[in-house]
Amino acid sequence: MAVIETTRPAPFGAISAFRFVSFVERAVEAFRAYWVAVQTRDQLARLSPRQLADIGLADATYSRLDLDEIARSLAANRR
């Protein structure tokens, strides 16, 4: 009885191409999250203290200095 090999190794360069594409996708996603965080921070910075209080961001636990951290957190949770 003959043994037939049914699996073949990946074509030359396929793994490197896959890793490169994965790297690019991760880089694009990281830039997108950064850009959303920048836009969110800018929009939050334009709000008055009363508007920030209306959305729950201007009480004793938050200050205007926390807007960067809040924007990064919102961008990370966007996925």
N, C-alpha and C. Protein backbone atom coordinates (compact mmCIF):
# COMPACT_ATOMS: atom_id res chain seq x y z
N MET A 1 0.84 -1.17 0.00
CA MET A 1 0.00 0.00 0.00
C MET A 1 0.90 1.24 0.00
N ALA A 2 0.62 2.17 -0.84
CA ALA A 2 1.42 3.38 -0.98
C ALA A 2 0.93 4.46 -0.01
N VAL A 3 1.88 5.23 0.44
CA VAL A 3 1.54 6.34 1.33
C VAL A 3 1.52 7.61 0.50
N ILE A 4 0.42 8.31 0.59
CA ILE A 4 0.27 9.55 -0.16
C ILE A 4 0.25 10.72 0.82
N GLU A 5 1.13 11.64 0.60
CA GLU A 5 1.17 12.81 1.46
C GLU A 5 0.13 13.81 0.98
N THR A 6 -0.81 14.14 1.86
CA THR A 6 -1.90 15.03 1.47
C THR A 6 -1.67 16.47 1.90
N THR A 7 -0.68 16.73 2.71
CA THR A 7 -0.39 18.10 3.11
C THR A 7 0.91 18.55 2.46
N ARG A 8 0.93 19.82 2.12
CA ARG A 8 2.12 20.38 1.51
C ARG A 8 2.59 21.56 2.35
N PRO A 9 3.86 21.85 2.32
CA PRO A 9 4.33 23.03 3.05
C PRO A 9 3.81 24.30 2.37
N ALA A 10 3.75 25.36 3.13
CA ALA A 10 3.31 26.64 2.58
C ALA A 10 4.26 27.07 1.46
N PRO A 11 3.73 27.74 0.45
CA PRO A 11 4.58 28.23 -0.63
C PRO A 11 5.66 29.18 -0.10
N PHE A 12 6.77 29.23 -0.80
CA PHE A 12 7.88 30.07 -0.40
C PHE A 12 7.43 31.52 -0.24
N GLY A 13 7.67 32.08 0.92
CA GLY A 13 7.35 33.49 1.17
C GLY A 13 5.95 33.73 1.70
N ALA A 14 5.11 32.70 1.77
CA ALA A 14 3.73 32.90 2.21
C ALA A 14 3.67 33.33 3.67
N ILE A 15 4.50 32.74 4.49
CA ILE A 15 4.48 33.08 5.91
C ILE A 15 5.00 34.51 6.12
N SER A 16 6.03 34.87 5.40
CA SER A 16 6.55 36.24 5.50
C SER A 16 5.52 37.25 5.02
N ALA A 17 4.83 36.92 3.94
CA ALA A 17 3.80 37.82 3.43
C ALA A 17 2.66 37.95 4.44
N PHE A 18 2.28 36.84 5.06
CA PHE A 18 1.22 36.88 6.07
C PHE A 18 1.64 37.74 7.25
N ARG A 19 2.87 37.59 7.71
CA ARG A 19 3.34 38.39 8.84
C ARG A 19 3.40 39.87 8.49
N PHE A 20 3.81 40.18 7.27
CA PHE A 20 3.86 41.58 6.84
C PHE A 20 2.46 42.18 6.80
N VAL A 21 1.51 41.45 6.22
CA VAL A 21 0.13 41.94 6.13
C VAL A 21 -0.45 42.11 7.53
N SER A 22 -0.18 41.17 8.43
CA SER A 22 -0.66 41.29 9.80
C SER A 22 -0.07 42.51 10.49
N PHE A 23 1.21 42.75 10.26
CA PHE A 23 1.87 43.92 10.84
C PHE A 23 1.22 45.21 10.34
N VAL A 24 0.97 45.28 9.05
CA VAL A 24 0.35 46.48 8.47
C VAL A 24 -1.05 46.67 9.04
N GLU A 25 -1.82 45.59 9.16
CA GLU A 25 -3.17 45.70 9.71
C GLU A 25 -3.13 46.21 11.15
N ARG A 26 -2.20 45.69 11.96
CA ARG A 26 -2.08 46.15 13.35
C ARG A 26 -1.66 47.61 13.40
N ALA A 27 -0.76 48.02 12.51
CA ALA A 27 -0.31 49.41 12.48
C ALA A 27 -1.46 50.34 12.09
N VAL A 28 -2.25 49.94 11.11
CA VAL A 28 -3.40 50.76 10.68
C VAL A 28 -4.41 50.86 11.82
N GLU A 29 -4.68 49.77 12.50
CA GLU A 29 -5.63 49.78 13.61
C GLU A 29 -5.12 50.66 14.76
N ALA A 30 -3.83 50.61 15.04
CA ALA A 30 -3.26 51.45 16.09
C ALA A 30 -3.36 52.93 15.72
N PHE A 31 -3.08 53.25 14.46
CA PHE A 31 -3.20 54.64 14.02
C PHE A 31 -4.66 55.10 14.07
N ARG A 32 -5.57 54.24 13.68
CA ARG A 32 -6.99 54.58 13.72
C ARG A 32 -7.43 54.86 15.16
N ALA A 33 -7.00 54.03 16.11
CA ALA A 33 -7.34 54.25 17.51
C ALA A 33 -6.74 55.57 18.01
N TYR A 34 -5.51 55.85 17.61
CA TYR A 34 -4.87 57.11 17.98
C TYR A 34 -5.65 58.29 17.43
N TRP A 35 -6.04 58.20 16.16
CA TRP A 35 -6.75 59.31 15.52
C TRP A 35 -8.12 59.54 16.17
N VAL A 36 -8.82 58.46 16.50
CA VAL A 36 -10.10 58.59 17.19
C VAL A 36 -9.90 59.24 18.55
N ALA A 37 -8.84 58.86 19.26
CA ALA A 37 -8.55 59.45 20.57
C ALA A 37 -8.26 60.94 20.43
N VAL A 38 -7.52 61.33 19.41
CA VAL A 38 -7.21 62.76 19.20
C VAL A 38 -8.49 63.53 18.91
N GLN A 39 -9.33 63.00 18.04
CA GLN A 39 -10.58 63.68 17.71
C GLN A 39 -11.51 63.76 18.92
N THR A 40 -11.58 62.70 19.70
CA THR A 40 -12.42 62.69 20.90
C THR A 40 -11.92 63.72 21.91
N ARG A 41 -10.59 63.75 22.11
CA ARG A 41 -10.02 64.72 23.04
C ARG A 41 -10.33 66.15 22.59
N ASP A 42 -10.19 66.41 21.30
CA ASP A 42 -10.47 67.76 20.78
C ASP A 42 -11.93 68.14 21.00
N GLN A 43 -12.84 67.20 20.75
CA GLN A 43 -14.26 67.48 20.93
C GLN A 43 -14.58 67.70 22.42
N LEU A 44 -14.00 66.88 23.29
CA LEU A 44 -14.24 67.06 24.73
C LEU A 44 -13.65 68.37 25.22
N ALA A 45 -12.54 68.78 24.68
CA ALA A 45 -11.91 70.04 25.10
C ALA A 45 -12.75 71.25 24.72
N ARG A 46 -13.56 71.12 23.69
CA ARG A 46 -14.42 72.23 23.25
C ARG A 46 -15.66 72.39 24.12
N LEU A 47 -15.97 71.39 24.92
CA LEU A 47 -17.18 71.45 25.74
C LEU A 47 -16.95 72.33 26.96
N SER A 48 -18.02 72.99 27.40
CA SER A 48 -17.96 73.81 28.61
C SER A 48 -18.02 72.90 29.83
N PRO A 49 -17.65 73.42 30.99
CA PRO A 49 -17.73 72.60 32.21
C PRO A 49 -19.14 72.08 32.47
N ARG A 50 -20.13 72.87 32.13
CA ARG A 50 -21.52 72.42 32.33
C ARG A 50 -21.85 71.26 31.38
N GLN A 51 -21.42 71.35 30.14
CA GLN A 51 -21.66 70.25 29.20
C GLN A 51 -20.93 68.98 29.63
N LEU A 52 -19.71 69.14 30.13
CA LEU A 52 -18.97 67.98 30.64
C LEU A 52 -19.69 67.37 31.84
N ALA A 53 -20.27 68.22 32.69
CA ALA A 53 -21.02 67.70 33.84
C ALA A 53 -22.26 66.95 33.36
N ASP A 54 -22.89 67.43 32.30
CA ASP A 54 -24.08 66.76 31.78
C ASP A 54 -23.79 65.34 31.31
N ILE A 55 -22.58 65.11 30.78
CA ILE A 55 -22.25 63.76 30.33
C ILE A 55 -21.46 62.99 31.37
N GLY A 56 -21.33 63.57 32.57
CA GLY A 56 -20.72 62.86 33.68
C GLY A 56 -19.21 62.92 33.72
N LEU A 57 -18.61 63.91 33.09
CA LEU A 57 -17.15 63.99 33.07
C LEU A 57 -16.59 65.18 33.82
N ALA A 58 -17.41 65.93 34.51
CA ALA A 58 -16.90 67.11 35.22
C ALA A 58 -17.38 67.09 36.66
N ASP A 59 -16.97 66.08 37.38
CA ASP A 59 -17.26 66.07 38.81
C ASP A 59 -15.94 66.02 39.56
N ALA A 60 -15.97 65.62 40.80
CA ALA A 60 -14.75 65.64 41.62
C ALA A 60 -13.71 64.63 41.14
N THR A 61 -14.14 63.61 40.40
CA THR A 61 -13.18 62.57 40.00
C THR A 61 -12.48 62.89 38.68
N TYR A 62 -13.01 63.81 37.90
CA TYR A 62 -12.41 64.13 36.60
C TYR A 62 -12.02 65.60 36.56
N SER A 63 -11.02 65.89 35.78
CA SER A 63 -10.66 67.28 35.52
C SER A 63 -10.33 67.39 34.04
N ARG A 64 -10.09 68.59 33.59
CA ARG A 64 -9.74 68.78 32.18
C ARG A 64 -8.44 68.08 31.82
N LEU A 65 -7.57 67.87 32.80
CA LEU A 65 -6.31 67.19 32.53
C LEU A 65 -6.51 65.71 32.21
N ASP A 66 -7.64 65.15 32.60
CA ASP A 66 -7.93 63.74 32.35
C ASP A 66 -8.52 63.49 30.97
N LEU A 67 -8.74 64.52 30.18
CA LEU A 67 -9.39 64.34 28.88
C LEU A 67 -8.59 63.43 27.96
N ASP A 68 -7.25 63.52 27.99
CA ASP A 68 -6.43 62.63 27.16
C ASP A 68 -6.67 61.17 27.53
N GLU A 69 -6.65 60.90 28.83
CA GLU A 69 -6.85 59.53 29.29
C GLU A 69 -8.26 59.03 28.96
N ILE A 70 -9.24 59.89 29.13
CA ILE A 70 -10.63 59.51 28.80
C ILE A 70 -10.75 59.22 27.31
N ALA A 71 -10.16 60.07 26.49
CA ALA A 71 -10.24 59.88 25.03
C ALA A 71 -9.57 58.59 24.62
N ARG A 72 -8.39 58.28 25.19
CA ARG A 72 -7.71 57.02 24.87
C ARG A 72 -8.54 55.82 25.29
N SER A 73 -9.16 55.92 26.45
CA SER A 73 -9.98 54.82 26.94
C SER A 73 -11.19 54.60 26.03
N LEU A 74 -11.83 55.67 25.61
CA LEU A 74 -12.99 55.54 24.72
C LEU A 74 -12.58 54.98 23.37
N ALA A 75 -11.44 55.39 22.86
CA ALA A 75 -10.96 54.88 21.57
C ALA A 75 -10.62 53.40 21.67
N ALA A 76 -10.04 52.99 22.79
CA ALA A 76 -9.68 51.56 22.96
C ALA A 76 -10.92 50.70 23.09
N ASN A 77 -11.97 51.23 23.72
CA ASN A 77 -13.20 50.46 23.91
C ASN A 77 -14.08 50.45 22.68
N ARG A 78 -13.69 51.20 21.66
CA ARG A 78 -14.50 51.34 20.44
C ARG A 78 -14.58 50.04 19.64
N ARG A 79 -13.57 49.20 19.77
CA ARG A 79 -13.52 47.97 18.99
C ARG A 79 -14.70 47.15 19.23
